[in-house]
């Protein structure tokens, strides 16, 4: 009878032992697979794509700058037909080259630079129109200081002085129109005790 009991207990113990062994690998495999998936997600790099597109105005400015450098090798100072004009606090250096009548100011088209103002656009071409050269020369300008009105008048004087380098015979017609005279008028300075140059505060008797 004792032999039969021992024979019965041994298979039971073996069964329980085998079940414990079978459960442990199951738990290990499940936990390891979960940890790997989380680590892979955390290590995934994030990609950011950024692109910049140049506007048409910037492209046109770059093209005009290349055109000016091609037409004026050595820069403005190396040219022969050059004139300097001034008005108020504006200064303009003007270079003339034989061409078709293009007008470029600070590497921009004159109409764009002067904001399409018809008076200013007409004013800068007065010396060329007076001598009939409006379609015979390309005009390249570097202007700084003051406002657009002062720069336009400075460009006019610069163009007139540059035309004298073309021929001294142009002096008579330009002088008749007053295009060779530097306009020396400037804003009068403010005075102490006054609101402006001459405007005084209202008088009060008491």
C-alpha atoms as a PDB file:
ATOM      1  CA  UNK A   1       0.000   0.000   0.000  1.00  0.00           C
ATOM      2  CA  UNK A   2       2.885   2.385   0.744  1.00  0.00           C
ATOM      3  CA  UNK A   3       4.360   1.667  -2.623  1.00  0.00           C
ATOM      4  CA  UNK A   4       1.219   2.677  -4.384  1.00  0.00           C
ATOM      5  CA  UNK A   5       0.980   6.005  -2.559  1.00  0.00           C
ATOM      6  CA  UNK A   6       4.525   6.974  -3.458  1.00  0.00           C
ATOM      7  CA  UNK A   7       3.960   6.041  -7.022  1.00  0.00           C
ATOM      8  CA  UNK A   8       0.956   8.328  -7.082  1.00  0.00           C
ATOM      9  CA  UNK A   9       2.695  11.323  -5.499  1.00  0.00           C
ATOM     10  CA  UNK A  10       5.682  11.347  -7.831  1.00  0.00           C
ATOM     11  CA  UNK A  11       3.749  12.091 -11.033  1.00  0.00           C
ATOM     12  CA  UNK A  12       1.804  14.832  -9.269  1.00  0.00           C
ATOM     13  CA  UNK A  13       4.972  16.551  -8.132  1.00  0.00           C
ATOM     14  CA  UNK A  14       6.425  16.281 -11.582  1.00  0.00           C
ATOM     15  CA  UNK A  15       3.315  17.799 -13.064  1.00  0.00           C
ATOM     16  CA  UNK A  16       3.356  20.791 -10.753  1.00  0.00           C
ATOM     17  CA  UNK A  17       7.060  21.364 -11.381  1.00  0.00           C
ATOM     18  CA  UNK A  18       6.612  21.307 -15.098  1.00  0.00           C
ATOM     19  CA  UNK A  19       3.758  23.772 -14.907  1.00  0.00           C
ATOM     20  CA  UNK A  20       5.906  26.254 -12.984  1.00  0.00           C
ATOM     21  CA  UNK A  21       8.658  26.010 -15.547  1.00  0.00           C
ATOM     22  CA  UNK A  22       6.213  26.521 -18.376  1.00  0.00           C
ATOM     23  CA  UNK A  23       4.776  29.702 -16.798  1.00  0.00           C
ATOM     24  CA  UNK A  24       8.077  31.483 -16.211  1.00  0.00           C
ATOM     25  CA  UNK A  25       9.228  31.654 -19.832  1.00  0.00           C
ATOM     26  CA  UNK A  26       5.779  32.867 -20.794  1.00  0.00           C
ATOM     27  CA  UNK A  27       6.013  35.808 -18.412  1.00  0.00           C
ATOM     28  CA  UNK A  28       9.550  36.652 -19.481  1.00  0.00           C
ATOM     29  CA  UNK A  29       8.777  36.606 -23.162  1.00  0.00           C
ATOM     30  CA  UNK A  30       5.756  38.866 -22.729  1.00  0.00           C
ATOM     31  CA  UNK A  31       7.540  41.491 -20.634  1.00  0.00           C
ATOM     32  CA  UNK A  32      10.594  41.605 -22.903  1.00  0.00           C
ATOM     33  CA  UNK A  33       8.486  42.070 -26.027  1.00  0.00           C
ATOM     34  CA  UNK A  34       6.620  44.952 -24.394  1.00  0.00           C
ATOM     35  CA  UNK A  35       9.793  46.731 -23.281  1.00  0.00           C
ATOM     36  CA  UNK A  36      11.317  46.486 -26.738  1.00  0.00           C
ATOM     37  CA  UNK A  37       8.311  48.024 -28.402  1.00  0.00           C
ATOM     38  CA  UNK A  38       8.320  51.035 -26.027  1.00  0.00           C
ATOM     39  CA  UNK A  39      12.037  51.634 -26.490  1.00  0.00           C
ATOM     40  CA  UNK A  40      11.708  51.520 -30.250  1.00  0.00           C
ATOM     41  CA  UNK A  41       8.942  54.125 -30.184  1.00  0.00           C
ATOM     42  CA  UNK A  42      10.926  56.431 -27.936  1.00  0.00           C
ATOM     43  CA  UNK A  43      14.024  56.251 -30.132  1.00  0.00           C
ATOM     44  CA  UNK A  44      12.164  57.037 -33.370  1.00  0.00           C
ATOM     45  CA  UNK A  45      13.627  60.373 -34.675  1.00  0.00           C
ATOM     46  CA  UNK A  46      11.263  63.207 -35.630  1.00  0.00           C
ATOM     47  CA  UNK A  47      11.799  64.754 -39.031  1.00  0.00           C
ATOM     48  CA  UNK A  48      11.100  68.451 -39.725  1.00  0.00           C
ATOM     49  CA  UNK A  49      11.166  69.808 -43.266  1.00  0.00           C
ATOM     50  CA  UNK A  50      11.482  73.546 -43.933  1.00  0.00           C
ATOM     51  CA  UNK A  51      11.742  75.260 -47.287  1.00  0.00           C
ATOM     52  CA  UNK A  52      12.203  78.923 -48.208  1.00  0.00           C
ATOM     53  CA  UNK A  53      11.013  80.308 -51.512  1.00  0.00           C
ATOM     54  CA  UNK A  54      12.350  83.645 -52.762  1.00  0.00           C
ATOM     55  CA  UNK A  55       9.737  86.203 -53.771  1.00  0.00           C
ATOM     56  CA  UNK A  56       9.626  87.556 -57.349  1.00  0.00           C
ATOM     57  CA  UNK A  57      10.771  90.991 -56.122  1.00  0.00           C
ATOM     58  CA  UNK A  58      13.911  89.489 -54.547  1.00  0.00           C
ATOM     59  CA  UNK A  59      14.692  87.536 -57.708  1.00  0.00           C
ATOM     60  CA  UNK A  60      14.259  90.657 -59.833  1.00  0.00           C
ATOM     61  CA  UNK A  61      16.548  92.631 -57.515  1.00  0.00           C
ATOM     62  CA  UNK A  62      19.243  89.951 -57.776  1.00  0.00           C
ATOM     63  CA  UNK A  63      18.963  89.962 -61.569  1.00  0.00           C
ATOM     64  CA  UNK A  64      19.254  93.767 -61.715  1.00  0.00           C
ATOM     65  CA  UNK A  65      22.267  93.690 -59.398  1.00  0.00           C
ATOM     66  CA  UNK A  66      23.999  91.194 -61.670  1.00  0.00           C
ATOM     67  CA  UNK A  67      23.058  93.343 -64.691  1.00  0.00           C
ATOM     68  CA  UNK A  68      24.520  96.495 -63.102  1.00  0.00           C
ATOM     69  CA  UNK A  69      27.756  94.717 -62.160  1.00  0.00           C
ATOM     70  CA  UNK A  70      28.025  93.374 -65.697  1.00  0.00           C
ATOM     71  CA  UNK A  71      27.466  96.800 -67.275  1.00  0.00           C
ATOM     72  CA  UNK A  72      29.711  98.655 -64.819  1.00  0.00           C
ATOM     73  CA  UNK A  73      32.928  96.652 -64.417  1.00  0.00           C
ATOM     74  CA  UNK A  74      34.965  98.060 -61.571  1.00  0.00           C
ATOM     75  CA  UNK A  75      31.984  99.778 -59.964  1.00  0.00           C
ATOM     76  CA  UNK A  76      30.731 103.347 -60.163  1.00  0.00           C
ATOM     77  CA  UNK A  77      34.100 104.968 -59.413  1.00  0.00           C
ATOM     78  CA  UNK A  78      35.751 103.329 -62.434  1.00  0.00           C
ATOM     79  CA  UNK A  79      33.352 104.897 -64.948  1.00  0.00           C
ATOM     80  CA  UNK A  80      34.071 107.961 -67.066  1.00  0.00           C
ATOM     81  CA  UNK A  81      30.594 109.427 -67.658  1.00  0.00           C
ATOM     82  CA  UNK A  82      29.625 110.120 -64.055  1.00  0.00           C
ATOM     83  CA  UNK A  83      27.999 113.004 -62.219  1.00  0.00           C
ATOM     84  CA  UNK A  84      27.123 113.747 -58.597  1.00  0.00           C
ATOM     85  CA  UNK A  85      23.961 115.569 -57.626  1.00  0.00           C
ATOM     86  CA  UNK A  86      22.795 116.880 -54.256  1.00  0.00           C
ATOM     87  CA  UNK A  87      19.539 118.226 -52.881  1.00  0.00           C
ATOM     88  CA  UNK A  88      18.792 118.883 -49.210  1.00  0.00           C
ATOM     89  CA  UNK A  89      20.504 115.922 -47.478  1.00  0.00           C
ATOM     90  CA  UNK A  90      20.236 113.545 -50.455  1.00  0.00           C
ATOM     91  CA  UNK A  91      23.246 112.562 -52.575  1.00  0.00           C
ATOM     92  CA  UNK A  92      23.070 110.721 -55.897  1.00  0.00           C
ATOM     93  CA  UNK A  93      25.930 109.338 -58.011  1.00  0.00           C
ATOM     94  CA  UNK A  94      24.851 108.895 -61.617  1.00  0.00           C
ATOM     95  CA  UNK A  95      26.560 106.890 -64.364  1.00  0.00           C
ATOM     96  CA  UNK A  96      25.538 106.993 -68.026  1.00  0.00           C
ATOM     97  CA  UNK A  97      26.114 104.105 -70.427  1.00  0.00           C
ATOM     98  CA  UNK A  98      24.983 103.806 -74.022  1.00  0.00           C
ATOM     99  CA  UNK A  99      21.823 101.727 -74.056  1.00  0.00           C
ATOM    100  CA  UNK A 100      18.078 101.768 -74.566  1.00  0.00           C
ATOM    101  CA  UNK A 101      16.857 104.102 -71.819  1.00  0.00           C
ATOM    102  CA  UNK A 102      16.839 101.896 -68.713  1.00  0.00           C
ATOM    103  CA  UNK A 103      16.779 103.736 -65.387  1.00  0.00           C
ATOM    104  CA  UNK A 104      18.057 101.759 -62.377  1.00  0.00           C
ATOM    105  CA  UNK A 105      18.264 103.268 -58.893  1.00  0.00           C
ATOM    106  CA  UNK A 106      19.956 101.290 -56.091  1.00  0.00           C
ATOM    107  CA  UNK A 107      19.652  98.056 -58.094  1.00  0.00           C
ATOM    108  CA  UNK A 108      15.898  98.549 -58.529  1.00  0.00           C
ATOM    109  CA  UNK A 109      13.798  99.811 -61.383  1.00  0.00           C
ATOM    110  CA  UNK A 110      13.152 103.555 -61.159  1.00  0.00           C
ATOM    111  CA  UNK A 111       9.370 103.119 -61.261  1.00  0.00           C
ATOM    112  CA  UNK A 112       9.484 100.694 -58.344  1.00  0.00           C
ATOM    113  CA  UNK A 113      12.016 102.715 -56.341  1.00  0.00           C
ATOM    114  CA  UNK A 114      10.105 106.004 -56.713  1.00  0.00           C
ATOM    115  CA  UNK A 115       6.813 104.243 -55.906  1.00  0.00           C
ATOM    116  CA  UNK A 116       5.346 105.020 -59.312  1.00  0.00           C
ATOM    117  CA  UNK A 117       5.133 108.764 -58.610  1.00  0.00           C
ATOM    118  CA  UNK A 118       4.669 110.347 -62.079  1.00  0.00           C
ATOM    119  CA  UNK A 119       6.131 113.713 -61.037  1.00  0.00           C
ATOM    120  CA  UNK A 120       9.374 112.208 -59.748  1.00  0.00           C
ATOM    121  CA  UNK A 121       9.673 109.841 -62.718  1.00  0.00           C
ATOM    122  CA  UNK A 122       9.245 112.752 -65.108  1.00  0.00           C
ATOM    123  CA  UNK A 123      11.649 114.958 -63.166  1.00  0.00           C
ATOM    124  CA  UNK A 124      14.598 112.554 -63.304  1.00  0.00           C
ATOM    125  CA  UNK A 125      14.351 112.326 -67.104  1.00  0.00           C
ATOM    126  CA  UNK A 126      14.151 116.067 -67.827  1.00  0.00           C
ATOM    127  CA  UNK A 127      17.861 116.495 -68.807  1.00  0.00           C
ATOM    128  CA  UNK A 128      17.722 113.490 -71.152  1.00  0.00           C
ATOM    129  CA  UNK A 129      14.461 114.631 -72.748  1.00  0.00           C
ATOM    130  CA  UNK A 130      15.841 118.156 -73.199  1.00  0.00           C
ATOM    131  CA  UNK A 131      18.748 116.813 -75.272  1.00  0.00           C
ATOM    132  CA  UNK A 132      16.796 114.004 -76.961  1.00  0.00           C
ATOM    133  CA  UNK A 133      18.728 111.197 -75.246  1.00  0.00           C
ATOM    134  CA  UNK A 134      15.830 109.502 -73.419  1.00  0.00           C
ATOM    135  CA  UNK A 135      16.337 106.251 -75.394  1.00  0.00           C
ATOM    136  CA  UNK A 136      20.092 106.567 -76.047  1.00  0.00           C
ATOM    137  CA  UNK A 137      21.547 106.022 -72.561  1.00  0.00           C
ATOM    138  CA  UNK A 138      21.051 103.647 -69.659  1.00  0.00           C
ATOM    139  CA  UNK A 139      21.200 105.443 -66.311  1.00  0.00           C
ATOM    140  CA  UNK A 140      22.599 103.777 -63.172  1.00  0.00           C
ATOM    141  CA  UNK A 141      22.177 105.577 -59.852  1.00  0.00           C
ATOM    142  CA  UNK A 142      23.356 105.127 -56.279  1.00  0.00           C
ATOM    143  CA  UNK A 143      21.327 107.391 -54.002  1.00  0.00           C
ATOM    144  CA  UNK A 144      21.255 107.775 -50.240  1.00  0.00           C
ATOM    145  CA  UNK A 145      20.104 110.275 -47.637  1.00  0.00           C
ATOM    146  CA  UNK A 146      16.971 112.353 -47.476  1.00  0.00           C
ATOM    147  CA  UNK A 147      13.629 111.284 -48.885  1.00  0.00           C
ATOM    148  CA  UNK A 148      12.488 110.206 -52.321  1.00  0.00           C
ATOM    149  CA  UNK A 149      11.659 113.769 -53.368  1.00  0.00           C
ATOM    150  CA  UNK A 150      15.146 115.034 -52.493  1.00  0.00           C
ATOM    151  CA  UNK A 151      16.757 112.008 -54.131  1.00  0.00           C
ATOM    152  CA  UNK A 152      14.783 112.568 -57.341  1.00  0.00           C
ATOM    153  CA  UNK A 153      16.005 116.159 -57.574  1.00  0.00           C
ATOM    154  CA  UNK A 154      19.559 115.078 -56.746  1.00  0.00           C
ATOM    155  CA  UNK A 155      19.389 112.506 -59.562  1.00  0.00           C
ATOM    156  CA  UNK A 156      18.294 115.220 -61.992  1.00  0.00           C
ATOM    157  CA  UNK A 157      21.360 117.332 -61.179  1.00  0.00           C
ATOM    158  CA  UNK A 158      23.583 114.254 -61.389  1.00  0.00           C
ATOM    159  CA  UNK A 159      22.242 113.322 -64.840  1.00  0.00           C
ATOM    160  CA  UNK A 160      22.756 116.882 -66.086  1.00  0.00           C
ATOM    161  CA  UNK A 161      26.348 116.964 -64.831  1.00  0.00           C
ATOM    162  CA  UNK A 162      27.052 113.546 -66.363  1.00  0.00           C
ATOM    163  CA  UNK A 163      25.778 114.785 -69.731  1.00  0.00           C
ATOM    164  CA  UNK A 164      28.471 117.474 -69.639  1.00  0.00           C
ATOM    165  CA  UNK A 165      31.036 114.657 -69.705  1.00  0.00           C
ATOM    166  CA  UNK A 166      29.478 113.446 -72.954  1.00  0.00           C
ATOM    167  CA  UNK A 167      29.871 116.832 -74.657  1.00  0.00           C
ATOM    168  CA  UNK A 168      30.586 120.344 -73.443  1.00  0.00           C
ATOM    169  CA  UNK A 169      28.097 121.611 -76.034  1.00  0.00           C
ATOM    170  CA  UNK A 170      25.283 120.435 -73.772  1.00  0.00           C
ATOM    171  CA  UNK A 171      26.038 123.159 -71.239  1.00  0.00           C
ATOM    172  CA  UNK A 172      24.002 125.851 -73.044  1.00  0.00           C
ATOM    173  CA  UNK A 173      20.665 123.981 -73.320  1.00  0.00           C
ATOM    174  CA  UNK A 174      20.978 122.596 -69.791  1.00  0.00           C
ATOM    175  CA  UNK A 175      21.849 125.995 -68.367  1.00  0.00           C
ATOM    176  CA  UNK A 176      18.795 127.549 -70.022  1.00  0.00           C
ATOM    177  CA  UNK A 177      16.534 125.129 -68.181  1.00  0.00           C
ATOM    178  CA  UNK A 178      18.357 125.713 -64.883  1.00  0.00           C
ATOM    179  CA  UNK A 179      19.364 122.048 -64.636  1.00  0.00           C
ATOM    180  CA  UNK A 180      22.991 122.766 -63.698  1.00  0.00           C
ATOM    181  CA  UNK A 181      22.203 124.902 -60.648  1.00  0.00           C
ATOM    182  CA  UNK A 182      22.411 123.263 -57.260  1.00  0.00           C
ATOM    183  CA  UNK A 183      19.279 124.115 -55.243  1.00  0.00           C
ATOM    184  CA  UNK A 184      20.696 125.225 -51.889  1.00  0.00           C
ATOM    185  CA  UNK A 185      17.354 125.586 -50.078  1.00  0.00           C
ATOM    186  CA  UNK A 186      17.140 123.569 -46.888  1.00  0.00           C
ATOM    187  CA  UNK A 187      14.807 123.499 -43.910  1.00  0.00           C
ATOM    188  CA  UNK A 188      15.496 126.394 -41.551  1.00  0.00           C
ATOM    189  CA  UNK A 189      16.540 125.323 -38.078  1.00  0.00           C
ATOM    190  CA  UNK A 190      14.249 125.603 -35.092  1.00  0.00           C
ATOM    191  CA  UNK A 191      14.882 128.561 -32.774  1.00  0.00           C
ATOM    192  CA  UNK A 192      14.937 128.580 -29.001  1.00  0.00           C
ATOM    193  CA  UNK A 193      11.648 129.790 -27.564  1.00  0.00           C
ATOM    194  CA  UNK A 194       9.759 129.202 -30.815  1.00  0.00           C
ATOM    195  CA  UNK A 195       7.698 126.210 -31.877  1.00  0.00           C
ATOM    196  CA  UNK A 196       9.399 125.957 -35.267  1.00  0.00           C
ATOM    197  CA  UNK A 197      11.856 128.070 -37.248  1.00  0.00           C
ATOM    198  CA  UNK A 198       9.637 131.172 -37.038  1.00  0.00           C
ATOM    199  CA  UNK A 199       6.326 130.060 -35.562  1.00  0.00           C
ATOM    200  CA  UNK A 200       5.934 131.602 -32.103  1.00  0.00           C
ATOM    201  CA  UNK A 201       3.608 130.472 -29.322  1.00  0.00           C
ATOM    202  CA  UNK A 202       0.361 132.389 -28.879  1.00  0.00           C
ATOM    203  CA  UNK A 203       0.807 135.674 -27.082  1.00  0.00           C
ATOM    204  CA  UNK A 204      -0.787 135.958 -23.664  1.00  0.00           C
ATOM    205  CA  UNK A 205      -0.973 139.361 -21.974  1.00  0.00           C
ATOM    206  CA  UNK A 206      -1.424 137.938 -18.493  1.00  0.00           C
END
